[in-house]
């Protein structure tokens, strides 16, 4: 948006005796994307702009077109006409970006190279130092408000504890910004995002969070949704899966042929005896221990189900799968996935992180002490 303003592609334009402020012509913008190598061709450029429309970032000046057309039509960034929807997530992200820029540009910044357990970390800060700074700069009125801001930044993945073992506290724990706001991002990255909505509607196996798209007739388990419907679930013989795959590719582009025993019914009711909150899990002296599990997926997947949200829990574990072999059990709570703190996320998002990540999955779980 800023680059388009600088290049005078965004400006006041007159059409049918009416002046439309701060708008651009779709066809000119597509040309600009190709000239600046933001898009390899017009089709990709259109898809990119449609993505921005879908995310309520741009719109047609009269809202007469819900899709982006590569034509002499006028569009505008919602931030230029005050119609950009500021959800809580967007507000927290923008607040984090503002704080990051402020800290980086300061001469005597609290962001410094520090060491923890013989490991050096760049641009780190102590929790108590950040709270002092937030109050000093007028970003928070008191320590309680500053702690809440820090916790919101952590829960949205903007900051994290350097070894990802703690939430944000008013203490001498060491934190750093997880997002580099100054990294030059390319628009084409938008097209590589995975939709958690598409994932939640997928008929893929909850037991076998997999990287392949099997034929409908070969699905080993049908999706267990959050509703109370009874789903048909069939068991799977894992003993011959790896040999049947015959493929060294860790993403397994083709589904192995499986032999299924008779189908059984499964009620997807939560295995938890009662709801548990993040505050309860993280409170000092809580009866939970943290475990790190390293799970190497096989030809079918990892062999477990994640359900719930804020926090998510392990709903089911395939007794013959990699997760069970790594020590995963039902009712454990998912603390982190491949180093990312996830207690604040729902199961669709966590499932997406798992399925788009590496074959070797490192998870931290919290388990009740018996």
Protein backbone atom coordinates (compact mmCIF):
# COMPACT_ATOMS: atom_id res chain seq x y z
CA UNK A 1 0.00 0.00 0.00
CA UNK A 2 2.76 2.44 0.95
CA UNK A 3 4.76 1.60 -2.16
CA UNK A 4 1.70 2.23 -4.33
CA UNK A 5 1.21 5.62 -2.68
CA UNK A 6 4.88 6.48 -3.30
CA UNK A 7 4.59 5.40 -6.94
CA UNK A 8 1.43 7.53 -7.43
CA UNK A 9 -0.63 4.47 -8.41
CA UNK A 10 -2.91 5.34 -5.52
CA UNK A 11 -4.39 8.80 -6.04
CA UNK A 12 -7.67 10.65 -6.40
CA UNK A 13 -9.39 9.61 -9.62
CA UNK A 14 -12.41 10.97 -11.45
CA UNK A 15 -15.00 8.65 -13.01
CA UNK A 16 -18.50 9.54 -14.31
CA UNK A 17 -18.33 13.11 -12.94
CA UNK A 18 -17.41 11.83 -9.48
CA UNK A 19 -14.03 11.93 -7.71
CA UNK A 20 -12.91 8.84 -5.80
CA UNK A 21 -10.05 9.58 -3.36
CA UNK A 22 -7.07 7.29 -2.75
CA UNK A 23 -7.89 4.56 -5.27
CA UNK A 24 -6.07 2.54 -7.92
CA UNK A 25 -7.00 1.00 -11.28
CA UNK A 26 -6.99 -2.81 -11.14
CA UNK A 27 -5.38 -3.26 -14.56
CA UNK A 28 -2.59 -0.79 -13.72
CA UNK A 29 -1.92 -2.57 -10.44
CA UNK A 30 -1.64 -5.96 -12.17
CA UNK A 31 0.92 -4.41 -14.55
CA UNK A 32 2.80 -2.99 -11.55
CA UNK A 33 2.90 -6.39 -9.79
CA UNK A 34 4.46 -8.01 -12.86
CA UNK A 35 6.93 -5.12 -13.46
CA UNK A 36 8.08 -5.27 -9.79
CA UNK A 37 8.28 -9.09 -9.94
CA UNK A 38 5.69 -9.41 -7.17
CA UNK A 39 3.79 -11.74 -9.51
CA UNK A 40 5.13 -13.86 -12.40
CA UNK A 41 2.00 -13.42 -14.53
CA UNK A 42 -1.41 -11.76 -14.62
CA UNK A 43 -3.24 -14.82 -13.32
CA UNK A 44 -1.07 -14.91 -10.19
CA UNK A 45 -1.49 -11.15 -9.76
CA UNK A 46 -5.27 -11.53 -9.85
CA UNK A 47 -5.12 -14.35 -7.30
CA UNK A 48 -2.98 -12.21 -4.99
CA UNK A 49 -5.39 -9.28 -5.14
CA UNK A 50 -8.34 -11.61 -4.63
CA UNK A 51 -6.61 -12.86 -1.47
CA UNK A 52 -6.41 -9.27 -0.23
CA UNK A 53 -10.12 -8.82 -0.99
CA UNK A 54 -10.98 -12.03 0.85
CA UNK A 55 -9.11 -10.69 3.89
CA UNK A 56 -10.96 -7.32 3.74
CA UNK A 57 -7.77 -5.39 2.91
CA UNK A 58 -8.97 -3.94 -0.43
CA UNK A 59 -12.41 -3.51 -1.97
CA UNK A 60 -14.16 -2.04 -5.01
CA UNK A 61 -14.78 1.68 -4.40
CA UNK A 62 -18.56 1.20 -4.70
CA UNK A 63 -18.58 -2.41 -3.46
CA UNK A 64 -20.25 -3.43 -6.71
CA UNK A 65 -17.77 -6.28 -7.32
CA UNK A 66 -17.00 -8.95 -4.73
CA UNK A 67 -14.13 -10.33 -6.80
CA UNK A 68 -11.02 -8.70 -8.25
CA UNK A 69 -11.25 -8.04 -11.97
CA UNK A 70 -8.21 -7.28 -14.12
CA UNK A 71 -9.93 -4.32 -15.77
CA UNK A 72 -10.27 -0.53 -15.63
CA UNK A 73 -12.14 -0.71 -12.35
CA UNK A 74 -11.34 1.34 -9.25
CA UNK A 75 -10.35 -0.36 -6.01
CA UNK A 76 -9.14 1.03 -2.71
CA UNK A 77 -7.29 -0.13 0.39
CA UNK A 78 -9.72 -0.19 3.31
CA UNK A 79 -7.08 1.48 5.46
CA UNK A 80 -7.36 4.54 3.16
CA UNK A 81 -11.10 4.97 3.72
CA UNK A 82 -11.46 3.85 7.34
CA UNK A 83 -13.33 0.61 6.61
CA UNK A 84 -10.49 -1.77 7.58
CA UNK A 85 -11.90 -4.16 10.23
CA UNK A 86 -9.71 -4.03 13.35
CA UNK A 87 -10.29 -7.39 15.02
CA UNK A 88 -8.58 -8.22 18.30
CA UNK A 89 -5.94 -10.27 16.46
CA UNK A 90 -5.13 -7.42 14.08
CA UNK A 91 -4.96 -4.90 16.95
CA UNK A 92 -2.53 -7.08 18.91
CA UNK A 93 -0.37 -7.63 15.81
CA UNK A 94 -0.24 -3.91 15.03
CA UNK A 95 0.54 -3.13 18.68
CA UNK A 96 3.38 -5.65 18.61
CA UNK A 97 4.76 -4.14 15.41
CA UNK A 98 4.62 -0.64 16.91
CA UNK A 99 6.45 -1.74 20.07
CA UNK A 100 9.09 -3.61 18.05
CA UNK A 101 9.83 -0.59 15.85
CA UNK A 102 10.01 1.65 18.90
CA UNK A 103 12.43 -0.68 20.70
CA UNK A 104 14.67 -1.28 17.68
CA UNK A 105 15.02 2.43 16.92
CA UNK A 106 15.99 3.41 20.50
CA UNK A 107 19.64 4.17 21.28
CA UNK A 108 19.61 2.54 24.74
CA UNK A 109 17.17 -0.24 23.96
CA UNK A 110 16.35 -3.04 26.39
CA UNK A 111 16.81 -5.45 23.45
CA UNK A 112 20.25 -6.99 23.99
CA UNK A 113 22.28 -10.12 23.33
CA UNK A 114 21.90 -12.35 26.37
CA UNK A 115 22.76 -15.90 27.31
CA UNK A 116 20.69 -18.67 28.86
CA UNK A 117 22.03 -22.18 29.49
CA UNK A 118 25.18 -21.37 27.48
CA UNK A 119 23.09 -20.36 24.44
CA UNK A 120 23.26 -16.78 23.12
CA UNK A 121 20.06 -15.11 21.95
CA UNK A 122 19.82 -11.91 19.90
CA UNK A 123 17.66 -8.92 20.88
CA UNK A 124 16.29 -10.38 24.11
CA UNK A 125 14.63 -8.68 27.06
CA UNK A 126 13.74 -9.59 30.63
CA UNK A 127 10.05 -9.75 31.47
CA UNK A 128 10.41 -7.25 34.33
CA UNK A 129 12.46 -4.89 32.11
CA UNK A 130 9.78 -4.92 29.44
CA UNK A 131 7.13 -4.10 32.04
CA UNK A 132 9.22 -1.19 33.39
CA UNK A 133 9.71 0.09 29.84
CA UNK A 134 6.01 -0.18 28.92
CA UNK A 135 5.05 1.90 31.97
CA UNK A 136 7.87 4.41 31.41
CA UNK A 137 6.84 4.94 27.76
CA UNK A 138 3.15 5.29 28.63
CA UNK A 139 2.25 2.06 26.81
CA UNK A 140 0.66 0.72 30.02
CA UNK A 141 -0.65 2.46 33.13
CA UNK A 142 0.49 -0.13 35.68
CA UNK A 143 2.29 -3.46 36.02
CA UNK A 144 -0.93 -5.50 35.81
CA UNK A 145 -1.86 -3.89 32.48
CA UNK A 146 1.71 -4.35 31.20
CA UNK A 147 1.67 -8.07 32.11
CA UNK A 148 -1.65 -8.52 30.29
CA UNK A 149 -0.18 -6.83 27.21
CA UNK A 150 2.89 -9.09 27.34
CA UNK A 151 0.72 -12.18 27.69
CA UNK A 152 -1.42 -11.11 24.72
CA UNK A 153 1.72 -10.61 22.60
CA UNK A 154 2.96 -14.09 23.55
CA UNK A 155 -0.38 -15.77 22.93
CA UNK A 156 -0.49 -14.25 19.44
CA UNK A 157 2.99 -15.56 18.63
CA UNK A 158 4.67 -12.13 18.59
CA UNK A 159 7.03 -12.73 21.52
CA UNK A 160 8.10 -15.94 23.25
CA UNK A 161 10.27 -17.21 26.06
CA UNK A 162 13.70 -17.96 24.52
CA UNK A 163 13.38 -21.70 25.16
CA UNK A 164 9.57 -21.62 24.90
CA UNK A 165 9.09 -22.99 28.41
CA UNK A 166 7.17 -20.18 30.11
CA UNK A 167 4.30 -17.79 29.58
CA UNK A 168 4.96 -14.07 30.06
CA UNK A 169 5.53 -13.03 33.68
CA UNK A 170 6.81 -10.02 35.64
CA UNK A 171 10.14 -11.75 36.31
CA UNK A 172 13.74 -12.10 35.14
CA UNK A 173 12.77 -14.72 32.56
CA UNK A 174 14.27 -14.07 29.13
CA UNK A 175 12.07 -13.33 26.10
CA UNK A 176 12.52 -12.27 22.48
CA UNK A 177 10.37 -11.18 19.55
CA UNK A 178 9.27 -14.24 17.57
CA UNK A 179 8.31 -12.16 14.51
CA UNK A 180 10.88 -10.12 12.59
CA UNK A 181 8.64 -7.26 11.51
CA UNK A 182 11.36 -5.86 9.27
CA UNK A 183 11.72 -8.95 7.12
CA UNK A 184 10.83 -8.16 3.51
CA UNK A 185 7.82 -10.29 2.71
CA UNK A 186 6.64 -11.11 -0.78
CA UNK A 187 2.98 -11.06 -1.70
CA UNK A 188 3.25 -14.55 -3.21
CA UNK A 189 3.63 -15.92 0.34
CA UNK A 190 -0.11 -15.33 0.70
CA UNK A 191 -0.82 -18.08 -1.83
CA UNK A 192 1.11 -20.64 0.23
CA UNK A 193 -1.02 -20.21 3.33
CA UNK A 194 -3.09 -23.22 4.36
CA UNK A 195 -6.69 -22.70 5.31
CA UNK A 196 -7.62 -24.09 8.71
CA UNK A 197 -11.26 -23.93 7.60
CA UNK A 198 -10.53 -26.26 4.71
CA UNK A 199 -8.70 -28.54 7.12
CA UNK A 200 -11.60 -28.75 9.57
CA UNK A 201 -13.93 -29.78 6.76
CA UNK A 202 -11.50 -32.38 5.45
CA UNK A 203 -12.51 -36.05 5.63
CA UNK A 204 -8.96 -36.92 6.69
CA UNK A 205 -8.19 -39.16 9.62
CA UNK A 206 -8.12 -37.72 13.13
CA UNK A 207 -5.94 -40.64 14.17
CA UNK A 208 -3.59 -40.21 11.23
CA UNK A 209 -2.93 -36.53 10.67
CA UNK A 210 -1.44 -37.17 7.25
CA UNK A 211 0.30 -35.35 4.42
CA UNK A 212 -1.44 -37.33 1.67
CA UNK A 213 -4.86 -37.13 0.07
CA UNK A 214 -6.13 -40.70 -0.13
CA UNK A 215 -9.05 -41.79 -2.25
CA UNK A 216 -12.35 -41.54 -0.36
CA UNK A 217 -12.63 -45.31 -0.34
CA UNK A 218 -9.23 -45.73 1.28
CA UNK A 219 -9.66 -43.36 4.22
CA UNK A 220 -8.60 -45.28 7.31
CA UNK A 221 -10.56 -43.07 9.70
CA UNK A 222 -13.29 -40.54 9.02
CA UNK A 223 -13.12 -37.11 10.61
CA UNK A 224 -14.38 -36.75 14.17
CA UNK A 225 -16.05 -33.35 14.34
CA UNK A 226 -16.84 -31.29 17.44
CA UNK A 227 -20.55 -32.06 17.21
CA UNK A 228 -22.20 -35.11 18.77
CA UNK A 229 -22.82 -37.04 15.59
CA UNK A 230 -21.71 -40.65 15.54
CA UNK A 231 -19.09 -41.16 12.85
CA UNK A 232 -18.14 -44.43 11.23
CA UNK A 233 -14.54 -45.29 12.02
CA UNK A 234 -12.63 -48.29 10.73
CA UNK A 235 -9.53 -49.77 12.31
CA UNK A 236 -6.26 -49.94 10.42
CA UNK A 237 -3.55 -52.58 10.18
CA UNK A 238 -0.31 -50.71 10.63
CA UNK A 239 2.07 -53.67 10.49
CA UNK A 240 2.38 -53.63 6.72
CA UNK A 241 1.92 -49.91 6.03
CA UNK A 242 5.57 -48.97 5.60
CA UNK A 243 6.36 -51.90 3.35
CA UNK A 244 3.29 -51.24 1.25
CA UNK A 245 4.17 -47.57 0.77
CA UNK A 246 7.31 -48.39 -1.22
CA UNK A 247 8.27 -44.71 -1.24
CA UNK A 248 11.15 -42.92 0.46
CA UNK A 249 9.50 -39.53 0.06
CA UNK A 250 8.55 -38.33 3.59
CA UNK A 251 5.40 -36.66 2.27
CA UNK A 252 4.04 -39.84 0.67
CA UNK A 253 2.24 -38.48 -2.35
CA UNK A 254 0.38 -41.75 -2.98
CA UNK A 255 -1.70 -43.63 -0.44
CA UNK A 256 -0.70 -47.19 0.48
CA UNK A 257 -3.22 -49.95 -0.08
CA UNK A 258 -4.67 -50.98 3.27
CA UNK A 259 -6.77 -53.94 4.38
CA UNK A 260 -9.57 -52.98 6.75
CA UNK A 261 -11.25 -55.09 9.41
CA UNK A 262 -14.99 -54.56 10.00
CA UNK A 263 -16.07 -50.98 10.79
CA UNK A 264 -16.90 -49.87 14.33
CA UNK A 265 -18.78 -46.88 15.69
CA UNK A 266 -17.04 -44.12 17.59
CA UNK A 267 -18.60 -41.39 19.70
CA UNK A 268 -16.42 -38.25 19.47
CA UNK A 269 -17.36 -37.03 22.97
CA UNK A 270 -14.44 -35.37 24.76
CA UNK A 271 -12.28 -37.71 26.82
CA UNK A 272 -11.72 -34.98 29.43
CA UNK A 273 -13.58 -35.45 32.70
CA UNK A 274 -13.93 -31.66 33.04
CA UNK A 275 -12.83 -28.52 31.17
CA UNK A 276 -9.36 -27.19 32.04
CA UNK A 277 -8.24 -23.58 31.46
CA UNK A 278 -4.80 -22.26 30.52
CA UNK A 279 -4.65 -20.38 33.81
CA UNK A 280 -5.16 -23.65 35.68
CA UNK A 281 -2.44 -25.41 33.66
CA UNK A 282 0.10 -22.59 34.13
CA UNK A 283 -0.60 -21.62 37.73
CA UNK A 284 2.31 -22.20 40.16
CA UNK A 285 2.11 -25.58 41.88
CA UNK A 286 -0.46 -26.94 39.41
CA UNK A 287 -0.55 -30.78 39.35
CA UNK A 288 0.80 -31.05 35.79
CA UNK A 289 4.18 -32.04 34.42
CA UNK A 290 5.57 -31.11 31.02
CA UNK A 291 6.93 -33.78 28.69
CA UNK A 292 8.70 -33.48 25.33
CA UNK A 293 7.72 -36.04 22.71
CA UNK A 294 9.56 -36.65 19.44
CA UNK A 295 7.28 -38.39 16.96
CA UNK A 296 8.54 -39.63 13.59
CA UNK A 297 5.59 -39.98 11.22
CA UNK A 298 5.19 -43.10 9.10
CA UNK A 299 3.46 -43.65 5.77
CA UNK A 300 0.02 -42.99 7.30
CA UNK A 301 0.76 -40.14 9.67
CA UNK A 302 1.56 -39.64 13.36
CA UNK A 303 -1.32 -41.56 14.94
CA UNK A 304 -3.24 -39.24 17.26
CA UNK A 305 -6.22 -36.89 17.46
CA UNK A 306 -6.13 -33.27 18.71
CA UNK A 307 -9.42 -31.75 19.84
CA UNK A 308 -10.72 -28.77 21.79
CA UNK A 309 -9.11 -25.36 22.03
CA UNK A 310 -7.38 -22.99 24.44
CA UNK A 311 -5.99 -25.47 25.48
CA UNK A 312 -6.25 -28.40 23.05
CA UNK A 313 -6.01 -31.95 24.33
CA UNK A 314 -5.16 -35.38 22.96
CA UNK A 315 -8.50 -36.99 22.20
CA UNK A 316 -7.27 -40.37 20.96
CA UNK A 317 -4.03 -42.23 20.26
CA UNK A 318 -3.62 -45.09 17.81
CA UNK A 319 -2.03 -47.82 19.99
CA UNK A 320 0.05 -49.06 17.07
CA UNK A 321 1.17 -45.64 15.83
CA UNK A 322 4.28 -43.46 16.22
CA UNK A 323 2.66 -41.16 18.82
CA UNK A 324 1.93 -44.04 21.18
CA UNK A 325 5.49 -45.29 20.76
CA UNK A 326 6.77 -41.82 21.73
CA UNK A 327 4.73 -41.84 24.95
CA UNK A 328 1.66 -39.84 23.96
CA UNK A 329 -1.50 -40.51 25.98
CA UNK A 330 -5.10 -39.31 25.86
CA UNK A 331 -6.00 -36.28 28.03
CA UNK A 332 -2.55 -34.70 27.66
CA UNK A 333 -2.65 -30.98 26.80
CA UNK A 334 -0.68 -29.63 23.82
CA UNK A 335 1.77 -26.96 25.01
CA UNK A 336 3.96 -26.47 21.92
CA UNK A 337 4.40 -27.83 18.39
CA UNK A 338 7.87 -27.71 16.81
CA UNK A 339 8.91 -24.95 19.22
CA UNK A 340 5.77 -22.82 18.82
CA UNK A 341 3.64 -22.10 21.90
CA UNK A 342 0.08 -23.26 21.10
CA UNK A 343 -1.96 -23.26 24.32
CA UNK A 344 -4.01 -20.36 22.92
CA UNK A 345 -4.85 -22.04 19.59
CA UNK A 346 -7.77 -24.24 18.48
CA UNK A 347 -7.39 -27.78 17.18
CA UNK A 348 -7.82 -26.80 13.49
CA UNK A 349 -4.85 -24.43 13.68
CA UNK A 350 -2.70 -26.94 15.58
CA UNK A 351 -3.59 -29.68 13.09
CA UNK A 352 -2.57 -27.35 10.26
CA UNK A 353 0.79 -26.66 11.96
CA UNK A 354 1.41 -30.39 12.27
CA UNK A 355 0.40 -31.33 8.76
CA UNK A 356 2.41 -28.56 7.10
CA UNK A 357 5.48 -29.11 9.26
CA UNK A 358 8.33 -31.62 9.09
CA UNK A 359 7.81 -35.37 9.27
CA UNK A 360 9.64 -35.48 12.63
CA UNK A 361 7.28 -33.78 15.06
CA UNK A 362 8.49 -32.35 18.38
CA UNK A 363 5.65 -31.67 20.81
CA UNK A 364 5.55 -30.51 24.40
CA UNK A 365 2.55 -31.83 26.31
CA UNK A 366 1.28 -31.27 29.84
CA UNK A 367 0.11 -34.32 31.73
CA UNK A 368 -1.79 -34.53 35.00
CA UNK A 369 0.21 -35.97 37.90
CA UNK A 370 -1.55 -39.08 39.12
